[in-house]
Amino acid sequence: MKSRSGRASLAKTTLQVMEVGQYVNPQGESVAIAAEMEACKAGSEYFEPGQLEQLRDEVAAVPCPFEETRFELVNETTLEGARALAAEETGRIGVLNFASAKNPGGGFLGGSQAQEESLARSSALYGSLNLFHEEYYETHRKLRDAFYSDRMIYSPGCPVFRDDAGAFLEASYEVDFLTSAAPNAGAIQKQRPLMVAEIPGIFQRRMDKVLALFAAKGCDTLVLGAWGCGVFRNCPQMVAASFAEFLKPGGSYHGRFRRVRFSVLDRTETEPIYGAFAECFATAIETS
């Protein structure tokens, strides 16, 4: 869906689907998702940074459940990666939502286009995020700090019912969404240039908590990617290297997950973002 108005129209119908708890698939069949939506909302949780630090310590005290972690790198959208894994895996699939810190679903209602907006148009995620409007979004608005914070929202078993083009799926599938905002490197560089050197350390500490929360929730498969490398302008090499440090052999989360798929969409001719991930993981990763 290329036009802003078209995407806004899709967002409107997504809200209607969430209201009635069902949709009609391309075969003309009604697909009910009300039970899955209610279960997702009932299980959704908001986490303060202190809670996540405690979770991280608890995870570190438990032996790794897997001997190794299998990596994949694919030039694709997050939704494409999630759908591919859902067709193959039976365990819990965790998907990182590259979140806006100030608006649930980012600008999806107005037709904006980025990773979070695509997820919000295609699933029941928006209903979960709105449960924590005051705690998460209003708090970040009041902070007026482009580093944002380590606060996170966890939305388990969230039904996904569209593809990237906006078409309804024959059947829905469920994933666990983890919503976390990366530091806005572009805004920091403009507003607080003397603080730019702090970005990598803060990014790593936030990533540590993201992976700890996924592990604590029992996700054995993850869909990750170029978190914060779009409008927030974080360095792809820094993001990829941070993931590699935590997840490759010797990292504190190697063996915490059985399978990690990096869905890194890069349509540029030289593929600098995709290339950063390929370089950081090199022989450890399966590419396609």
C-alpha atoms as a PDB file:
ATOM      1  CA  MET A   1       0.000   0.000   0.000  1.00  0.00           C
ATOM      2  CA  LYS A   2       1.886   3.044  -1.306  1.00  0.00           C
ATOM      3  CA  SER A   3      -0.404   6.009  -0.628  1.00  0.00           C
ATOM      4  CA  ARG A   4      -0.782   7.676   2.747  1.00  0.00           C
ATOM      5  CA  SER A   5      -4.558   7.902   2.342  1.00  0.00           C
ATOM      6  CA  GLY A   6      -4.720   4.216   1.464  1.00  0.00           C
ATOM      7  CA  ARG A   7      -2.770   3.286   4.576  1.00  0.00           C
ATOM      8  CA  ALA A   8      -4.993   5.510   6.722  1.00  0.00           C
ATOM      9  CA  SER A   9      -8.025   3.729   5.285  1.00  0.00           C
ATOM     10  CA  LEU A  10      -6.485   0.372   6.185  1.00  0.00           C
ATOM     11  CA  ALA A  11      -5.888   1.605   9.726  1.00  0.00           C
ATOM     12  CA  LYS A  12      -9.555   2.541   9.999  1.00  0.00           C
ATOM     13  CA  THR A  13     -10.664  -0.931   8.917  1.00  0.00           C
ATOM     14  CA  THR A  14      -8.174  -2.464  11.358  1.00  0.00           C
ATOM     15  CA  LEU A  15      -9.937  -0.601  14.177  1.00  0.00           C
ATOM     16  CA  GLN A  16     -13.240  -1.962  12.881  1.00  0.00           C
ATOM     17  CA  VAL A  17     -11.859  -5.508  12.879  1.00  0.00           C
ATOM     18  CA  MET A  18     -10.757  -5.083  16.486  1.00  0.00           C
ATOM     19  CA  GLU A  19     -14.181  -3.734  17.422  1.00  0.00           C
ATOM     20  CA  VAL A  20     -16.137  -6.672  15.964  1.00  0.00           C
ATOM     21  CA  GLY A  21     -13.498  -9.330  16.671  1.00  0.00           C
ATOM     22  CA  GLN A  22     -13.503 -10.889  13.225  1.00  0.00           C
ATOM     23  CA  TYR A  23     -12.657 -10.329   9.563  1.00  0.00           C
ATOM     24  CA  VAL A  24     -13.486 -11.850   6.196  1.00  0.00           C
ATOM     25  CA  ASN A  25     -10.581 -13.599   4.473  1.00  0.00           C
ATOM     26  CA  PRO A  26      -9.943 -13.742   0.685  1.00  0.00           C
ATOM     27  CA  GLN A  27     -11.972 -16.965   0.510  1.00  0.00           C
ATOM     28  CA  GLY A  28     -15.011 -15.139   1.860  1.00  0.00           C
ATOM     29  CA  GLU A  29     -14.845 -16.922   5.196  1.00  0.00           C
ATOM     30  CA  SER A  30     -15.318 -15.187   8.531  1.00  0.00           C
ATOM     31  CA  VAL A  31     -12.265 -15.542  10.777  1.00  0.00           C
ATOM     32  CA  ALA A  32     -12.912 -14.950  14.472  1.00  0.00           C
ATOM     33  CA  ILE A  33     -10.132 -13.352  16.527  1.00  0.00           C
ATOM     34  CA  ALA A  34     -12.130 -11.989  19.478  1.00  0.00           C
ATOM     35  CA  ALA A  35     -10.898 -14.624  21.933  1.00  0.00           C
ATOM     36  CA  GLU A  36      -7.267 -14.104  20.921  1.00  0.00           C
ATOM     37  CA  MET A  37      -7.609 -10.320  21.196  1.00  0.00           C
ATOM     38  CA  GLU A  38      -9.126 -10.519  24.662  1.00  0.00           C
ATOM     39  CA  ALA A  39      -6.452 -12.953  25.828  1.00  0.00           C
ATOM     40  CA  CYS A  40      -3.758 -10.632  24.488  1.00  0.00           C
ATOM     41  CA  LYS A  41      -5.191  -7.609  26.271  1.00  0.00           C
ATOM     42  CA  ALA A  42      -5.679  -9.565  29.494  1.00  0.00           C
ATOM     43  CA  GLY A  43      -2.055 -10.705  29.404  1.00  0.00           C
ATOM     44  CA  SER A  44      -0.529  -7.401  28.291  1.00  0.00           C
ATOM     45  CA  GLU A  45       1.946  -5.886  30.738  1.00  0.00           C
ATOM     46  CA  TYR A  46       3.773  -2.619  31.230  1.00  0.00           C
ATOM     47  CA  PHE A  47       7.282  -2.753  32.694  1.00  0.00           C
ATOM     48  CA  GLU A  48       9.254  -0.097  34.529  1.00  0.00           C
ATOM     49  CA  PRO A  49      13.060  -0.063  34.128  1.00  0.00           C
ATOM     50  CA  GLY A  50      13.588  -1.351  37.666  1.00  0.00           C
ATOM     51  CA  GLN A  51      11.339  -4.339  37.033  1.00  0.00           C
ATOM     52  CA  LEU A  52      13.301  -5.159  33.902  1.00  0.00           C
ATOM     53  CA  GLU A  53      16.605  -4.990  35.757  1.00  0.00           C
ATOM     54  CA  GLN A  54      15.254  -7.546  38.213  1.00  0.00           C
ATOM     55  CA  LEU A  55      14.036  -9.752  35.358  1.00  0.00           C
ATOM     56  CA  ARG A  56      17.455  -9.530  33.725  1.00  0.00           C
ATOM     57  CA  ASP A  57      19.131 -10.747  36.910  1.00  0.00           C
ATOM     58  CA  GLU A  58      16.614 -13.576  37.269  1.00  0.00           C
ATOM     59  CA  VAL A  59      17.194 -14.691  33.679  1.00  0.00           C
ATOM     60  CA  ALA A  60      20.974 -14.610  34.143  1.00  0.00           C
ATOM     61  CA  ALA A  61      20.664 -16.925  37.163  1.00  0.00           C
ATOM     62  CA  VAL A  62      18.956 -19.659  35.121  1.00  0.00           C
ATOM     63  CA  PRO A  63      20.933 -22.025  32.834  1.00  0.00           C
ATOM     64  CA  CYS A  64      20.498 -21.448  29.097  1.00  0.00           C
ATOM     65  CA  PRO A  65      17.804 -23.783  27.718  1.00  0.00           C
ATOM     66  CA  PHE A  66      19.522 -24.330  24.346  1.00  0.00           C
ATOM     67  CA  GLU A  67      23.023 -25.451  23.399  1.00  0.00           C
ATOM     68  CA  GLU A  68      23.230 -22.828  20.685  1.00  0.00           C
ATOM     69  CA  THR A  69      21.250 -20.129  18.908  1.00  0.00           C
ATOM     70  CA  ARG A  70      20.536 -20.407  15.186  1.00  0.00           C
ATOM     71  CA  PHE A  71      20.679 -17.111  13.269  1.00  0.00           C
ATOM     72  CA  GLU A  72      19.044 -16.048  10.007  1.00  0.00           C
ATOM     73  CA  LEU A  73      19.330 -12.763   8.119  1.00  0.00           C
ATOM     74  CA  VAL A  74      16.748 -11.930   5.461  1.00  0.00           C
ATOM     75  CA  ASN A  75      16.090  -8.727   3.526  1.00  0.00           C
ATOM     76  CA  GLU A  76      12.396  -8.554   4.342  1.00  0.00           C
ATOM     77  CA  THR A  77       9.842  -6.801   6.520  1.00  0.00           C
ATOM     78  CA  THR A  78       9.220  -7.790  10.121  1.00  0.00           C
ATOM     79  CA  LEU A  79       5.781  -9.079   9.144  1.00  0.00           C
ATOM     80  CA  GLU A  80       7.270 -11.290   6.451  1.00  0.00           C
ATOM     81  CA  GLY A  81       9.715 -12.735   8.954  1.00  0.00           C
ATOM     82  CA  ALA A  82       7.053 -13.289  11.596  1.00  0.00           C
ATOM     83  CA  ARG A  83       4.718 -14.993   9.147  1.00  0.00           C
ATOM     84  CA  ALA A  84       7.477 -17.282   7.870  1.00  0.00           C
ATOM     85  CA  LEU A  85       8.367 -18.361  11.393  1.00  0.00           C
ATOM     86  CA  ALA A  86       4.731 -18.806  12.392  1.00  0.00           C
ATOM     87  CA  ALA A  87       4.355 -21.282   9.530  1.00  0.00           C
ATOM     88  CA  GLU A  88       7.312 -23.330  10.807  1.00  0.00           C
ATOM     89  CA  GLU A  89       7.420 -22.951  14.581  1.00  0.00           C
ATOM     90  CA  THR A  90       5.149 -24.168  17.373  1.00  0.00           C
ATOM     91  CA  GLY A  91       6.789 -22.286  20.246  1.00  0.00           C
ATOM     92  CA  ARG A  92       6.383 -18.663  21.304  1.00  0.00           C
ATOM     93  CA  ILE A  93       7.568 -16.170  18.712  1.00  0.00           C
ATOM     94  CA  GLY A  94       8.732 -12.821  20.059  1.00  0.00           C
ATOM     95  CA  VAL A  95       8.681  -9.800  17.733  1.00  0.00           C
ATOM     96  CA  LEU A  96      10.379  -6.507  18.578  1.00  0.00           C
ATOM     97  CA  ASN A  97       8.222  -3.472  17.792  1.00  0.00           C
ATOM     98  CA  PHE A  98      10.467  -0.500  16.894  1.00  0.00           C
ATOM     99  CA  ALA A  99       8.202   1.820  18.810  1.00  0.00           C
ATOM    100  CA  SER A 100       7.282   5.438  18.948  1.00  0.00           C
ATOM    101  CA  ALA A 101       7.710   6.557  22.531  1.00  0.00           C
ATOM    102  CA  LYS A 102       4.876   9.078  22.311  1.00  0.00           C
ATOM    103  CA  ASN A 103       2.087   7.585  20.179  1.00  0.00           C
ATOM    104  CA  PRO A 104       0.653   4.038  20.260  1.00  0.00           C
ATOM    105  CA  GLY A 105       1.186   2.536  16.831  1.00  0.00           C
ATOM    106  CA  GLY A 106       3.257   5.560  15.816  1.00  0.00           C
ATOM    107  CA  GLY A 107       1.440   7.458  13.076  1.00  0.00           C
ATOM    108  CA  PHE A 108      -0.489   4.489  11.710  1.00  0.00           C
ATOM    109  CA  LEU A 109      -3.899   6.145  12.093  1.00  0.00           C
ATOM    110  CA  GLY A 110      -2.757   8.962   9.807  1.00  0.00           C
ATOM    111  CA  GLY A 111      -1.218   6.649   7.230  1.00  0.00           C
ATOM    112  CA  SER A 112       2.454   6.970   8.165  1.00  0.00           C
ATOM    113  CA  GLN A 113       4.736   4.181   7.013  1.00  0.00           C
ATOM    114  CA  ALA A 114       7.421   2.572   9.169  1.00  0.00           C
ATOM    115  CA  GLN A 115       7.860  -0.751  10.942  1.00  0.00           C
ATOM    116  CA  GLU A 116       5.542  -0.046  13.888  1.00  0.00           C
ATOM    117  CA  GLU A 117       2.834   1.383  11.641  1.00  0.00           C
ATOM    118  CA  SER A 118       2.912  -1.785   9.529  1.00  0.00           C
ATOM    119  CA  LEU A 119       2.531  -3.953  12.636  1.00  0.00           C
ATOM    120  CA  ALA A 120      -0.323  -1.819  13.972  1.00  0.00           C
ATOM    121  CA  ARG A 121      -2.247  -1.925  10.680  1.00  0.00           C
ATOM    122  CA  SER A 122      -1.862  -5.680  10.410  1.00  0.00           C
ATOM    123  CA  SER A 123      -2.640  -6.896  13.920  1.00  0.00           C
ATOM    124  CA  ALA A 124      -4.481  -6.198  17.163  1.00  0.00           C
ATOM    125  CA  LEU A 125      -1.385  -4.574  18.688  1.00  0.00           C
ATOM    126  CA  TYR A 126      -2.945  -1.108  18.940  1.00  0.00           C
ATOM    127  CA  GLY A 127      -5.581  -2.338  21.390  1.00  0.00           C
ATOM    128  CA  SER A 128      -2.890  -3.639  23.722  1.00  0.00           C
ATOM    129  CA  LEU A 129      -0.708  -0.529  23.535  1.00  0.00           C
ATOM    130  CA  ASN A 130      -3.624   1.767  24.345  1.00  0.00           C
ATOM    131  CA  LEU A 131      -4.037   0.061  27.715  1.00  0.00           C
ATOM    132  CA  PHE A 132      -0.885   1.841  28.889  1.00  0.00           C
ATOM    133  CA  HIS A 133      -1.378   5.294  27.409  1.00  0.00           C
ATOM    134  CA  GLU A 134      -0.683   7.127  30.657  1.00  0.00           C
ATOM    135  CA  GLU A 135       2.175   4.960  31.938  1.00  0.00           C
ATOM    136  CA  TYR A 136       4.101   4.683  28.684  1.00  0.00           C
ATOM    137  CA  TYR A 137       3.145   7.365  26.185  1.00  0.00           C
ATOM    138  CA  GLU A 138       2.227  10.280  28.466  1.00  0.00           C
ATOM    139  CA  THR A 139       5.312   9.602  30.572  1.00  0.00           C
ATOM    140  CA  HIS A 140       7.584   9.870  27.541  1.00  0.00           C
ATOM    141  CA  ARG A 141       5.840  13.025  26.344  1.00  0.00           C
ATOM    142  CA  LYS A 142       6.464  14.642  29.708  1.00  0.00           C
ATOM    143  CA  LEU A 143      10.114  13.556  29.776  1.00  0.00           C
ATOM    144  CA  ARG A 144      11.006  15.692  26.732  1.00  0.00           C
ATOM    145  CA  ASP A 145      14.150  13.594  26.351  1.00  0.00           C
ATOM    146  CA  ALA A 146      15.023  11.972  23.014  1.00  0.00           C
ATOM    147  CA  PHE A 147      16.862   9.181  24.816  1.00  0.00           C
ATOM    148  CA  TYR A 148      13.373   8.147  25.982  1.00  0.00           C
ATOM    149  CA  SER A 149      13.541   5.364  28.596  1.00  0.00           C
ATOM    150  CA  ASP A 150      13.774   1.629  29.213  1.00  0.00           C
ATOM    151  CA  ARG A 151      10.008   1.345  29.804  1.00  0.00           C
ATOM    152  CA  MET A 152       8.426  -1.453  27.760  1.00  0.00           C
ATOM    153  CA  ILE A 153       5.070  -3.023  26.894  1.00  0.00           C
ATOM    154  CA  TYR A 154       4.601  -6.760  26.354  1.00  0.00           C
ATOM    155  CA  SER A 155       1.643  -7.966  24.268  1.00  0.00           C
ATOM    156  CA  PRO A 156       1.433 -11.796  24.305  1.00  0.00           C
ATOM    157  CA  GLY A 157      -0.366 -13.910  21.726  1.00  0.00           C
ATOM    158  CA  CYS A 158      -1.392 -10.917  19.621  1.00  0.00           C
ATOM    159  CA  PRO A 159      -3.305 -11.948  16.484  1.00  0.00           C
ATOM    160  CA  VAL A 160      -1.863 -10.857  13.128  1.00  0.00           C
ATOM    161  CA  PHE A 161      -4.407 -10.858  10.306  1.00  0.00           C
ATOM    162  CA  ARG A 162      -2.959  -8.852   7.376  1.00  0.00           C
ATOM    163  CA  ASP A 163       0.128  -8.982   5.197  1.00  0.00           C
ATOM    164  CA  ASP A 164       2.299  -5.965   4.363  1.00  0.00           C
ATOM    165  CA  ALA A 165       0.152  -5.087   1.361  1.00  0.00           C
ATOM    166  CA  GLY A 166      -2.893  -4.839   3.605  1.00  0.00           C
ATOM    167  CA  ALA A 167      -4.586  -8.027   2.386  1.00  0.00           C
ATOM    168  CA  PHE A 168      -6.387 -10.119   4.981  1.00  0.00           C
ATOM    169  CA  LEU A 169      -4.774 -13.500   5.666  1.00  0.00           C
ATOM    170  CA  GLU A 170      -6.558 -16.787   5.121  1.00  0.00           C
ATOM    171  CA  ALA A 171      -5.991 -17.481   8.820  1.00  0.00           C
ATOM    172  CA  SER A 172      -4.549 -15.322  11.581  1.00  0.00           C
ATOM    173  CA  TYR A 173      -1.468 -16.254  13.583  1.00  0.00           C
ATOM    174  CA  GLU A 174      -0.222 -15.112  16.987  1.00  0.00           C
ATOM    175  CA  VAL A 175       3.062 -13.588  18.108  1.00  0.00           C
ATOM    176  CA  ASP A 176       4.284 -11.854  21.257  1.00  0.00           C
ATOM    177  CA  PHE A 177       5.062  -8.192  20.576  1.00  0.00           C
ATOM    178  CA  LEU A 178       7.588  -6.339  22.735  1.00  0.00           C
ATOM    179  CA  THR A 179       7.262  -2.570  22.382  1.00  0.00           C
ATOM    180  CA  SER A 180      10.357  -0.499  23.103  1.00  0.00           C
ATOM    181  CA  ALA A 181      11.569   2.827  21.732  1.00  0.00           C
ATOM    182  CA  ALA A 182      15.188   3.173  20.673  1.00  0.00           C
ATOM    183  CA  PRO A 183      16.950   6.453  21.467  1.00  0.00           C
ATOM    184  CA  ASN A 184      16.213   9.071  18.808  1.00  0.00           C
ATOM    185  CA  ALA A 185      19.785   9.613  17.651  1.00  0.00           C
ATOM    186  CA  GLY A 186      18.814  12.242  15.080  1.00  0.00           C
ATOM    187  CA  ALA A 187      17.048  14.392  17.662  1.00  0.00           C
ATOM    188  CA  ILE A 188      19.853  13.930  20.192  1.00  0.00           C
ATOM    189  CA  GLN A 189      22.447  15.038  17.645  1.00  0.00           C
ATOM    190  CA  LYS A 190      20.418  18.150  16.887  1.00  0.00           C
ATOM    191  CA  GLN A 191      19.276  19.082  20.399  1.00  0.00           C
ATOM    192  CA  ARG A 192      22.015  17.692  22.669  1.00  0.00           C
ATOM    193  CA  PRO A 193      25.135  17.155  20.525  1.00  0.00           C
ATOM    194  CA  LEU A 194      27.387  16.763  23.554  1.00  0.00           C
ATOM    195  CA  MET A 195      25.371  13.679  24.556  1.00  0.00           C
ATOM    196  CA  VAL A 196      25.786  11.767  21.278  1.00  0.00           C
ATOM    197  CA  ALA A 197      28.617   9.704  22.771  1.00  0.00           C
ATOM    198  CA  GLU A 198      26.165   8.341  25.353  1.00  0.00           C
ATOM    199  CA  ILE A 199      23.931   6.696  22.730  1.00  0.00           C
ATOM    200  CA  PRO A 200      25.750   3.328  22.352  1.00  0.00           C
ATOM    201  CA  GLY A 201      25.829   2.631  26.088  1.00  0.00           C
ATOM    202  CA  ILE A 202      22.188   3.558  26.616  1.00  0.00           C
ATOM    203  CA  PHE A 203      21.211   1.549  23.532  1.00  0.00           C
ATOM    204  CA  GLN A 204      23.030  -1.528  24.831  1.00  0.00           C
ATOM    205  CA  ARG A 205      21.440  -1.304  28.268  1.00  0.00           C
ATOM    206  CA  ARG A 206      17.999  -1.062  26.679  1.00  0.00           C
ATOM    207  CA  MET A 207      18.712  -3.969  24.341  1.00  0.00           C
ATOM    208  CA  ASP A 208      19.833  -6.042  27.332  1.00  0.00           C
ATOM    209  CA  LYS A 209      16.423  -5.499  28.936  1.00  0.00           C
ATOM    210  CA  VAL A 210      14.590  -6.303  25.682  1.00  0.00           C
ATOM    211  CA  LEU A 211      16.326  -9.662  25.377  1.00  0.00           C
ATOM    212  CA  ALA A 212      15.849 -10.385  29.074  1.00  0.00           C
ATOM    213  CA  LEU A 213      12.104  -9.773  28.804  1.00  0.00           C
ATOM    214  CA  PHE A 214      11.795 -12.038  25.769  1.00  0.00           C
ATOM    215  CA  ALA A 215      13.720 -14.746  27.619  1.00  0.00           C
ATOM    216  CA  ALA A 216      11.685 -14.332  30.804  1.00  0.00           C
ATOM    217  CA  LYS A 217       8.470 -14.740  28.809  1.00  0.00           C
ATOM    218  CA  GLY A 218       9.616 -18.033  27.316  1.00  0.00           C
ATOM    219  CA  CYS A 219      10.068 -16.987  23.693  1.00  0.00           C
ATOM    220  CA  ASP A 220      12.359 -19.492  21.995  1.00  0.00           C
ATOM    221  CA  THR A 221      12.197 -17.761  18.603  1.00  0.00           C
ATOM    222  CA  LEU A 222      12.678 -14.040  17.913  1.00  0.00           C
ATOM    223  CA  VAL A 223      12.179 -11.639  15.020  1.00  0.00           C
ATOM    224  CA  LEU A 224      14.615  -8.737  15.416  1.00  0.00           C
ATOM    225  CA  GLY A 225      16.000  -6.187  12.999  1.00  0.00           C
ATOM    226  CA  ALA A 226      17.404  -2.714  12.403  1.00  0.00           C
ATOM    227  CA  TRP A 227      15.886  -1.257  15.560  1.00  0.00           C
ATOM    228  CA  GLY A 228      15.997   2.536  15.530  1.00  0.00           C
ATOM    229  CA  CYS A 229      17.842   2.760  12.190  1.00  0.00           C
ATOM    230  CA  GLY A 230      15.021   4.506  10.322  1.00  0.00           C
ATOM    231  CA  VAL A 231      13.668   7.903  11.311  1.00  0.00           C
ATOM    232  CA  PHE A 232      15.586   7.712  14.637  1.00  0.00           C
ATOM    233  CA  ARG A 233      18.855   7.530  12.641  1.00  0.00           C
ATOM    234  CA  ASN A 234      20.805   5.160  14.865  1.00  0.00           C
ATOM    235  CA  CYS A 235      23.970   3.741  13.327  1.00  0.00           C
ATOM    236  CA  PRO A 236      23.246   0.315  11.756  1.00  0.00           C
ATOM    237  CA  GLN A 237      26.752  -0.912  12.602  1.00  0.00           C
ATOM    238  CA  MET A 238      26.218  -0.011  16.259  1.00  0.00           C
ATOM    239  CA  VAL A 239      22.829  -1.739  16.407  1.00  0.00           C
ATOM    240  CA  ALA A 240      24.034  -4.876  14.630  1.00  0.00           C
ATOM    241  CA  ALA A 241      27.199  -5.065  16.742  1.00  0.00           C
ATOM    242  CA  SER A 242      25.173  -4.737  19.944  1.00  0.00           C
ATOM    243  CA  PHE A 243      22.883  -7.607  18.953  1.00  0.00           C
ATOM    244  CA  ALA A 244      25.942  -9.665  18.004  1.00  0.00           C
ATOM    245  CA  GLU A 245      27.630  -9.002  21.343  1.00  0.00           C
ATOM    246  CA  PHE A 246      24.604 -10.276  23.261  1.00  0.00           C
ATOM    247  CA  LEU A 247      23.566 -13.152  21.002  1.00  0.00           C
ATOM    248  CA  LYS A 248      26.636 -14.702  19.376  1.00  0.00           C
ATOM    249  CA  PRO A 249      28.658 -17.444  21.152  1.00  0.00           C
ATOM    250  CA  GLY A 250      30.088 -15.993  24.341  1.00  0.00           C
ATOM    251  CA  GLY A 251      27.283 -13.446  24.637  1.00  0.00           C
ATOM    252  CA  SER A 252      24.994 -13.427  27.650  1.00  0.00           C
ATOM    253  CA  TYR A 253      21.953 -14.425  25.563  1.00  0.00           C
ATOM    254  CA  HIS A 254      23.516 -17.088  23.355  1.00  0.00           C
ATOM    255  CA  GLY A 255      21.505 -20.233  24.032  1.00  0.00           C
ATOM    256  CA  ARG A 256      18.652 -18.285  25.625  1.00  0.00           C
ATOM    257  CA  PHE A 257      16.831 -18.518  22.287  1.00  0.00           C
ATOM    258  CA  ARG A 258      16.775 -21.398  19.842  1.00  0.00           C
ATOM    259  CA  ARG A 259      16.313 -19.292  16.722  1.00  0.00           C
ATOM    260  CA  VAL A 260      16.729 -15.597  15.932  1.00  0.00           C
ATOM    261  CA  ARG A 261      15.670 -14.173  12.576  1.00  0.00           C
ATOM    262  CA  PHE A 262      16.896 -10.713  11.631  1.00  0.00           C
ATOM    263  CA  SER A 263      14.335  -9.256   9.247  1.00  0.00           C
ATOM    264  CA  VAL A 264      16.242  -6.279   7.860  1.00  0.00           C
ATOM    265  CA  LEU A 265      14.438  -4.420   5.093  1.00  0.00           C
ATOM    266  CA  ASP A 266      16.922  -2.523   2.926  1.00  0.00           C
ATOM    267  CA  ARG A 267      15.821  -1.607  -0.588  1.00  0.00           C
ATOM    268  CA  THR A 268      18.785   0.676  -1.356  1.00  0.00           C
ATOM    269  CA  GLU A 269      21.238  -0.305  -4.080  1.00  0.00           C
ATOM    270  CA  THR A 270      24.221  -0.694  -1.740  1.00  0.00           C
ATOM    271  CA  GLU A 271      22.206  -2.188   1.170  1.00  0.00           C
ATOM    272  CA  PRO A 272      24.207  -0.479   3.965  1.00  0.00           C
ATOM    273  CA  ILE A 273      21.799  -1.487   6.742  1.00  0.00           C
ATOM    274  CA  TYR A 274      21.499  -5.111   5.649  1.00  0.00           C
ATOM    275  CA  GLY A 275      25.253  -5.139   5.057  1.00  0.00           C
ATOM    276  CA  ALA A 276      25.965  -4.015   8.613  1.00  0.00           C
ATOM    277  CA  PHE A 277      24.142  -7.049   9.985  1.00  0.00           C
ATOM    278  CA  ALA A 278      25.777  -9.401   7.478  1.00  0.00           C
ATOM    279  CA  GLU A 279      29.201  -8.089   8.474  1.00  0.00           C
ATOM    280  CA  CYS A 280      28.646  -8.286  12.231  1.00  0.00           C
ATOM    281  CA  PHE A 281      27.347 -11.847  12.163  1.00  0.00           C
ATOM    282  CA  ALA A 282      29.389 -13.093   9.188  1.00  0.00           C
ATOM    283  CA  THR A 283      29.648 -16.908   9.259  1.00  0.00           C
ATOM    284  CA  ALA A 284      27.345 -17.241  12.282  1.00  0.00           C
ATOM    285  CA  ILE A 285      24.290 -16.300  10.270  1.00  0.00           C
ATOM    286  CA  GLU A 286      22.262 -17.828   7.442  1.00  0.00           C
ATOM    287  CA  THR A 287      21.522 -15.213   4.770  1.00  0.00           C
ATOM    288  CA  SER A 288      19.018 -15.044   1.955  1.00  0.00           C
END
